[in-house]
């Protein structure tokens, strides 16, 4: 496969972070699905096309043939597995929609992205089900947890990457990116930040009291202050993982203000040319739900590179599966 000569589909697309990454690797997106209306609005503003809606209502026949399937599928619905059905049953989960499309379209490869905790969900049985179903579709599957900090963004964001190929290519996950942006590169000057993002005197003084009570030394600037659920405040030259609904409240810049939507998108590796056309509340949610674009782009490049090589031979599928145990 030559770079720039492959097609892909963008499932559970959000605002298009995975699409940006695979386009950087030279791919052409031929189908997109995303049900959230605010995400659809952002996606259309930036890519010129509105995603199809709920993937559960889209038949595989409606999806064009493609070389690579991509998607950051939600995993919360896996909690129903085992409720009288057993762990070999994926019906009723959104992973089933990934599975049925892979089965029908038989793409050469796929990339799935999910939370780090997927591997330990329900004592690892959920992830075992996923791997078994992907392997039973005839894919050689690779997986690894990668951190955004290693791919040029100042955000500690660990996510699992699951990559599969129809042929046994000698694939290796990238360990580092080529970019290296610091927090200083991401943050806007305070005098250019809207006053609405600054803490009130009450909350700023409350944070300062907590810092003093915890005997914390503030010797890093710029820094992100992160207050966890127990009330402990960490001070770092990078951000903790952004979240869909909480980042604006528990993350502050130098203990003085909140992150702006643009800064949040920069922490995910989106270029400043990426248009923000929704209210701040929606933009913060979208940034928290998205992906680290440079990290996905590095994996996309590794996938394309692997598919240009000769598959590893000889190895039967039985031998491969045995090696996965």
Protein backbone atom coordinates (compact mmCIF):
# COMPACT_ATOMS: atom_id res chain seq x y z
CA UNK A 1 0.00 0.00 0.00
CA UNK A 2 1.44 3.36 -0.99
CA UNK A 3 0.99 6.30 1.32
CA UNK A 4 -1.89 8.41 0.09
CA UNK A 5 -3.50 5.48 -1.63
CA UNK A 6 -5.93 4.14 0.95
CA UNK A 7 -9.47 4.82 2.09
CA UNK A 8 -10.90 4.74 5.58
CA UNK A 9 -14.16 5.17 7.49
CA UNK A 10 -14.52 7.30 10.61
CA UNK A 11 -16.95 5.70 13.09
CA UNK A 12 -17.95 7.27 16.43
CA UNK A 13 -16.21 10.24 14.86
CA UNK A 14 -16.82 12.94 17.44
CA UNK A 15 -15.37 16.11 15.93
CA UNK A 16 -12.96 14.32 13.60
CA UNK A 17 -9.69 13.91 15.50
CA UNK A 18 -9.06 10.46 14.08
CA UNK A 19 -9.93 11.69 10.61
CA UNK A 20 -7.37 14.49 10.89
CA UNK A 21 -4.75 11.94 11.88
CA UNK A 22 -5.44 9.50 9.06
CA UNK A 23 -5.60 12.30 6.50
CA UNK A 24 -2.12 13.32 7.65
CA UNK A 25 -1.03 9.77 6.81
CA UNK A 26 -2.43 10.25 3.32
CA UNK A 27 -5.82 8.59 3.65
CA UNK A 28 -9.16 9.54 2.14
CA UNK A 29 -12.26 9.37 4.34
CA UNK A 30 -15.22 7.80 2.52
CA UNK A 31 -17.77 7.57 5.34
CA UNK A 32 -18.38 9.15 8.75
CA UNK A 33 -20.82 8.37 11.54
CA UNK A 34 -21.53 10.49 14.63
CA UNK A 35 -24.90 10.85 16.35
CA UNK A 36 -24.26 13.93 18.56
CA UNK A 37 -25.69 17.04 16.88
CA UNK A 38 -23.15 19.50 18.34
CA UNK A 39 -20.30 17.24 17.15
CA UNK A 40 -21.93 16.99 13.74
CA UNK A 41 -21.96 20.79 13.57
CA UNK A 42 -18.25 21.02 14.39
CA UNK A 43 -17.40 18.21 11.99
CA UNK A 44 -19.30 19.80 9.12
CA UNK A 45 -17.69 23.20 9.75
CA UNK A 46 -14.22 21.68 9.52
CA UNK A 47 -14.59 18.95 6.91
CA UNK A 48 -17.41 20.28 4.73
CA UNK A 49 -19.68 17.28 5.23
CA UNK A 50 -22.21 16.28 7.85
CA UNK A 51 -21.67 12.84 9.40
CA UNK A 52 -24.30 10.15 9.15
CA UNK A 53 -26.16 9.62 12.41
CA UNK A 54 -26.63 6.71 14.81
CA UNK A 55 -24.43 3.83 13.66
CA UNK A 56 -26.83 1.30 15.18
CA UNK A 57 -29.40 2.33 12.58
CA UNK A 58 -27.03 2.21 9.60
CA UNK A 59 -26.72 -1.05 7.70
CA UNK A 60 -23.30 -2.25 6.59
CA UNK A 61 -24.56 -2.14 3.00
CA UNK A 62 -24.80 1.67 3.26
CA UNK A 63 -21.11 1.96 4.12
CA UNK A 64 -18.67 2.14 1.20
CA UNK A 65 -15.89 -0.39 0.84
CA UNK A 66 -12.73 0.83 2.55
CA UNK A 67 -9.18 -0.21 3.40
CA UNK A 68 -9.11 0.79 7.08
CA UNK A 69 -11.89 1.08 9.65
CA UNK A 70 -11.30 3.57 12.46
CA UNK A 71 -13.29 4.44 15.55
CA UNK A 72 -13.17 5.40 19.19
CA UNK A 73 -16.10 3.24 20.27
CA UNK A 74 -17.72 3.84 23.69
CA UNK A 75 -17.27 1.03 26.18
CA UNK A 76 -19.73 1.82 28.98
CA UNK A 77 -22.36 -0.51 27.55
CA UNK A 78 -20.13 -3.51 28.20
CA UNK A 79 -21.42 -3.57 31.74
CA UNK A 80 -24.43 -5.51 30.46
CA UNK A 81 -22.27 -8.40 29.26
CA UNK A 82 -22.71 -11.39 31.49
CA UNK A 83 -26.21 -10.43 32.57
CA UNK A 84 -27.57 -13.85 31.83
CA UNK A 85 -25.93 -13.95 28.39
CA UNK A 86 -22.29 -14.71 29.12
CA UNK A 87 -19.12 -12.97 28.01
CA UNK A 88 -19.23 -14.41 24.51
CA UNK A 89 -22.23 -12.25 23.64
CA UNK A 90 -21.68 -8.67 22.44
CA UNK A 91 -25.27 -7.96 21.43
CA UNK A 92 -26.59 -4.65 22.68
CA UNK A 93 -23.16 -3.03 22.85
CA UNK A 94 -21.67 -0.56 20.42
CA UNK A 95 -18.73 -2.87 19.89
CA UNK A 96 -21.22 -5.13 18.11
CA UNK A 97 -21.59 -2.44 15.44
CA UNK A 98 -17.85 -2.37 14.90
CA UNK A 99 -17.88 -6.14 14.67
CA UNK A 100 -20.76 -6.37 12.21
CA UNK A 101 -19.20 -3.76 9.89
CA UNK A 102 -15.81 -5.48 9.99
CA UNK A 103 -17.51 -8.78 9.20
CA UNK A 104 -19.50 -7.35 6.30
CA UNK A 105 -16.88 -5.08 4.72
CA UNK A 106 -13.69 -7.03 5.51
CA UNK A 107 -11.30 -4.02 5.47
CA UNK A 108 -7.59 -4.73 5.34
CA UNK A 109 -7.01 -3.14 8.75
CA UNK A 110 -8.63 -1.30 11.63
CA UNK A 111 -7.75 1.06 14.46
CA UNK A 112 -9.90 1.24 17.59
CA UNK A 113 -9.22 3.67 20.44
CA UNK A 114 -10.58 3.42 23.96
CA UNK A 115 -9.94 4.22 27.61
CA UNK A 116 -7.00 2.57 29.34
CA UNK A 117 -9.35 0.89 31.81
CA UNK A 118 -10.91 -1.22 29.05
CA UNK A 119 -8.22 -3.86 29.61
CA UNK A 120 -9.20 -4.28 33.26
CA UNK A 121 -12.97 -3.87 32.96
CA UNK A 122 -14.78 -6.73 34.68
CA UNK A 123 -11.47 -8.34 35.65
CA UNK A 124 -10.27 -8.35 32.07
CA UNK A 125 -13.12 -10.42 30.68
CA UNK A 126 -14.56 -7.59 28.59
CA UNK A 127 -11.27 -7.07 26.79
CA UNK A 128 -10.86 -10.80 26.30
CA UNK A 129 -14.24 -10.89 24.56
CA UNK A 130 -13.22 -8.02 22.29
CA UNK A 131 -9.94 -9.67 21.29
CA UNK A 132 -11.58 -13.03 20.67
CA UNK A 133 -14.26 -11.52 18.46
CA UNK A 134 -11.74 -9.53 16.44
CA UNK A 135 -9.48 -12.55 16.00
CA UNK A 136 -12.43 -14.73 15.02
CA UNK A 137 -13.10 -12.29 12.19
CA UNK A 138 -9.69 -13.22 10.81
CA UNK A 139 -7.59 -10.33 12.10
CA UNK A 140 -4.11 -10.32 13.56
CA UNK A 141 -4.58 -8.01 16.54
CA UNK A 142 -2.08 -5.76 18.33
CA UNK A 143 -2.78 -3.49 21.30
CA UNK A 144 -0.88 -1.05 23.48
CA UNK A 145 -1.57 1.81 25.88
CA UNK A 146 0.00 5.03 24.59
CA UNK A 147 0.39 8.34 26.44
CA UNK A 148 -0.16 11.74 24.85
CA UNK A 149 2.91 13.06 26.70
CA UNK A 150 5.07 10.89 24.44
CA UNK A 151 3.61 12.34 21.27
CA UNK A 152 4.25 16.03 21.55
CA UNK A 153 1.36 17.35 23.63
CA UNK A 154 1.62 18.42 27.30
CA UNK A 155 -1.27 16.23 28.41
CA UNK A 156 -1.02 12.96 30.35
CA UNK A 157 -3.63 11.06 28.41
CA UNK A 158 -3.32 7.27 28.35
CA UNK A 159 -5.52 5.41 25.90
CA UNK A 160 -5.44 1.90 24.49
CA UNK A 161 -4.88 1.49 20.76
CA UNK A 162 -6.17 -1.72 19.16
CA UNK A 163 -4.86 -2.38 15.65
CA UNK A 164 -5.77 -5.31 13.44
CA UNK A 165 -4.67 -6.58 10.03
CA UNK A 166 -6.04 -9.21 7.68
CA UNK A 167 -2.46 -10.30 7.03
CA UNK A 168 0.29 -10.88 9.55
CA UNK A 169 2.29 -7.70 8.97
CA UNK A 170 5.32 -6.98 11.19
CA UNK A 171 3.57 -4.08 12.91
CA UNK A 172 5.10 -2.13 15.77
CA UNK A 173 3.48 0.66 17.73
CA UNK A 174 5.35 3.97 17.69
CA UNK A 175 6.77 4.97 21.06
CA UNK A 176 7.38 8.66 20.40
CA UNK A 177 6.14 11.44 18.16
CA UNK A 178 8.13 14.02 16.27
CA UNK A 179 6.49 17.07 17.85
CA UNK A 180 7.30 18.37 21.32
CA UNK A 181 5.08 21.20 22.44
CA UNK A 182 5.32 22.52 25.98
CA UNK A 183 2.62 24.02 28.11
CA UNK A 184 4.04 27.42 27.26
CA UNK A 185 3.40 26.70 23.58
CA UNK A 186 -0.23 25.80 24.32
CA UNK A 187 -1.36 28.54 26.68
CA UNK A 188 -2.59 31.93 25.57
CA UNK A 189 -1.18 35.05 27.27
CA UNK A 190 -3.37 35.95 30.23
CA UNK A 191 -3.94 39.45 28.86
CA UNK A 192 -5.54 37.89 25.78
CA UNK A 193 -7.85 35.55 27.71
CA UNK A 194 -11.48 36.53 28.27
CA UNK A 195 -12.09 37.55 31.88
CA UNK A 196 -14.86 34.95 32.16
CA UNK A 197 -12.20 32.24 32.39
CA UNK A 198 -10.51 33.75 35.47
CA UNK A 199 -11.34 32.48 38.95
CA UNK A 200 -13.26 34.65 41.34
CA UNK A 201 -11.34 36.01 44.32
CA UNK A 202 -13.16 33.49 46.51
CA UNK A 203 -12.07 30.41 44.53
CA UNK A 204 -8.54 31.68 43.95
CA UNK A 205 -8.03 32.29 47.66
CA UNK A 206 -9.59 28.90 48.45
CA UNK A 207 -7.06 27.21 46.19
CA UNK A 208 -4.19 29.11 47.79
CA UNK A 209 -5.31 28.00 51.26
CA UNK A 210 -5.39 24.38 50.11
CA UNK A 211 -1.88 24.72 48.68
CA UNK A 212 -0.62 26.07 52.00
CA UNK A 213 -2.44 23.38 53.99
CA UNK A 214 -0.89 20.67 51.80
CA UNK A 215 2.58 22.25 52.10
CA UNK A 216 2.91 22.42 48.34
CA UNK A 217 5.71 24.43 46.78
CA UNK A 218 4.72 26.34 43.68
CA UNK A 219 7.97 26.44 41.72
CA UNK A 220 6.69 25.70 38.22
CA UNK A 221 5.28 28.29 35.87
CA UNK A 222 3.41 27.92 33.66
CA UNK A 223 1.74 25.00 35.37
CA UNK A 224 -1.55 23.19 35.47
CA UNK A 225 -3.04 22.76 38.92
CA UNK A 226 -5.14 19.63 39.13
CA UNK A 227 -7.42 19.02 42.11
CA UNK A 228 -8.42 15.35 42.34
CA UNK A 229 -11.47 13.86 44.01
CA UNK A 230 -9.79 13.69 47.40
CA UNK A 231 -8.93 17.39 47.25
CA UNK A 232 -5.22 16.90 46.72
CA UNK A 233 -3.73 19.43 44.32
CA UNK A 234 -1.02 18.42 41.88
CA UNK A 235 1.13 21.04 40.16
CA UNK A 236 2.64 19.94 36.85
CA UNK A 237 4.20 21.36 33.66
CA UNK A 238 1.51 19.44 31.76
CA UNK A 239 -2.20 18.83 31.97
CA UNK A 240 -3.89 15.76 33.36
CA UNK A 241 -6.27 14.01 30.96
CA UNK A 242 -9.07 16.27 29.82
CA UNK A 243 -12.55 14.98 30.55
CA UNK A 244 -15.83 15.66 28.84
CA UNK A 245 -17.56 17.36 31.75
CA UNK A 246 -15.08 18.03 34.52
CA UNK A 247 -11.89 19.59 33.21
CA UNK A 248 -13.14 23.15 33.38
CA UNK A 249 -13.79 22.84 37.10
CA UNK A 250 -10.86 20.84 38.46
CA UNK A 251 -8.02 22.08 36.22
CA UNK A 252 -6.61 25.59 36.48
CA UNK A 253 -3.72 27.48 34.90
CA UNK A 254 -1.30 28.66 37.60
CA UNK A 255 -4.18 28.53 40.07
CA UNK A 256 -5.60 31.68 38.48
CA UNK A 257 -7.90 30.75 35.60
CA UNK A 258 -9.55 27.94 33.65
CA UNK A 259 -8.37 26.58 30.32
CA UNK A 260 -9.99 28.18 27.29
CA UNK A 261 -11.63 25.95 24.65
CA UNK A 262 -8.82 26.74 22.21
CA UNK A 263 -6.21 25.70 24.77
CA UNK A 264 -8.08 22.44 25.33
CA UNK A 265 -8.06 21.69 21.62
CA UNK A 266 -4.35 22.49 21.47
CA UNK A 267 -3.77 20.02 24.31
CA UNK A 268 -5.33 17.40 22.04
CA UNK A 269 -3.08 18.40 19.16
CA UNK A 270 -5.69 20.15 17.02
CA UNK A 271 -4.32 22.97 14.86
CA UNK A 272 -5.48 26.53 15.46
CA UNK A 273 -7.07 26.41 12.02
CA UNK A 274 -9.63 23.97 13.43
CA UNK A 275 -12.85 25.95 13.72
CA UNK A 276 -14.76 26.13 16.99
CA UNK A 277 -18.37 26.89 16.07
CA UNK A 278 -20.24 25.73 19.19
CA UNK A 279 -20.72 27.35 22.64
CA UNK A 280 -17.91 26.97 25.17
CA UNK A 281 -19.76 24.32 27.17
CA UNK A 282 -20.06 22.09 24.09
CA UNK A 283 -16.51 22.81 22.96
CA UNK A 284 -15.11 21.77 26.35
CA UNK A 285 -17.11 18.55 26.24
CA UNK A 286 -15.92 17.81 22.71
CA UNK A 287 -12.28 18.46 23.54
CA UNK A 288 -12.52 16.15 26.54
CA UNK A 289 -14.05 13.37 24.44
CA UNK A 290 -11.61 13.66 21.55
CA UNK A 291 -8.25 12.07 20.81
CA UNK A 292 -4.63 13.21 20.83
CA UNK A 293 -4.28 13.84 17.10
CA UNK A 294 -0.45 13.51 16.83
CA UNK A 295 -0.59 10.19 18.69
CA UNK A 296 -3.23 8.76 16.34
CA UNK A 297 -1.30 10.16 13.37
CA UNK A 298 1.84 8.32 14.48
CA UNK A 299 -0.12 5.06 14.77
CA UNK A 300 -1.71 5.69 11.36
CA UNK A 301 1.75 6.12 9.83
CA UNK A 302 2.88 2.88 11.47
CA UNK A 303 -0.15 1.06 10.05
CA UNK A 304 0.54 2.35 6.54
CA UNK A 305 4.23 1.48 6.85
CA UNK A 306 3.43 -2.06 8.00
CA UNK A 307 1.02 -2.63 5.12
CA UNK A 308 3.74 -1.73 2.62
CA UNK A 309 5.88 -4.62 3.86
CA UNK A 310 5.66 -8.31 3.17
CA UNK A 311 3.51 -10.24 5.66
CA UNK A 312 5.38 -12.45 8.08
CA UNK A 313 5.46 -16.03 6.82
CA UNK A 314 5.02 -18.78 7.53
CA UNK A 315 2.62 -18.58 10.44
CA UNK A 316 -0.78 -20.16 10.49
CA UNK A 317 -3.65 -18.49 12.28
CA UNK A 318 -3.62 -21.28 14.85
CA UNK A 319 0.04 -20.55 15.58
CA UNK A 320 -0.74 -16.84 15.87
CA UNK A 321 -3.64 -17.41 18.25
CA UNK A 322 -1.50 -19.74 20.34
CA UNK A 323 1.13 -17.02 20.67
CA UNK A 324 -1.50 -14.58 21.96
CA UNK A 325 -2.35 -16.78 24.97
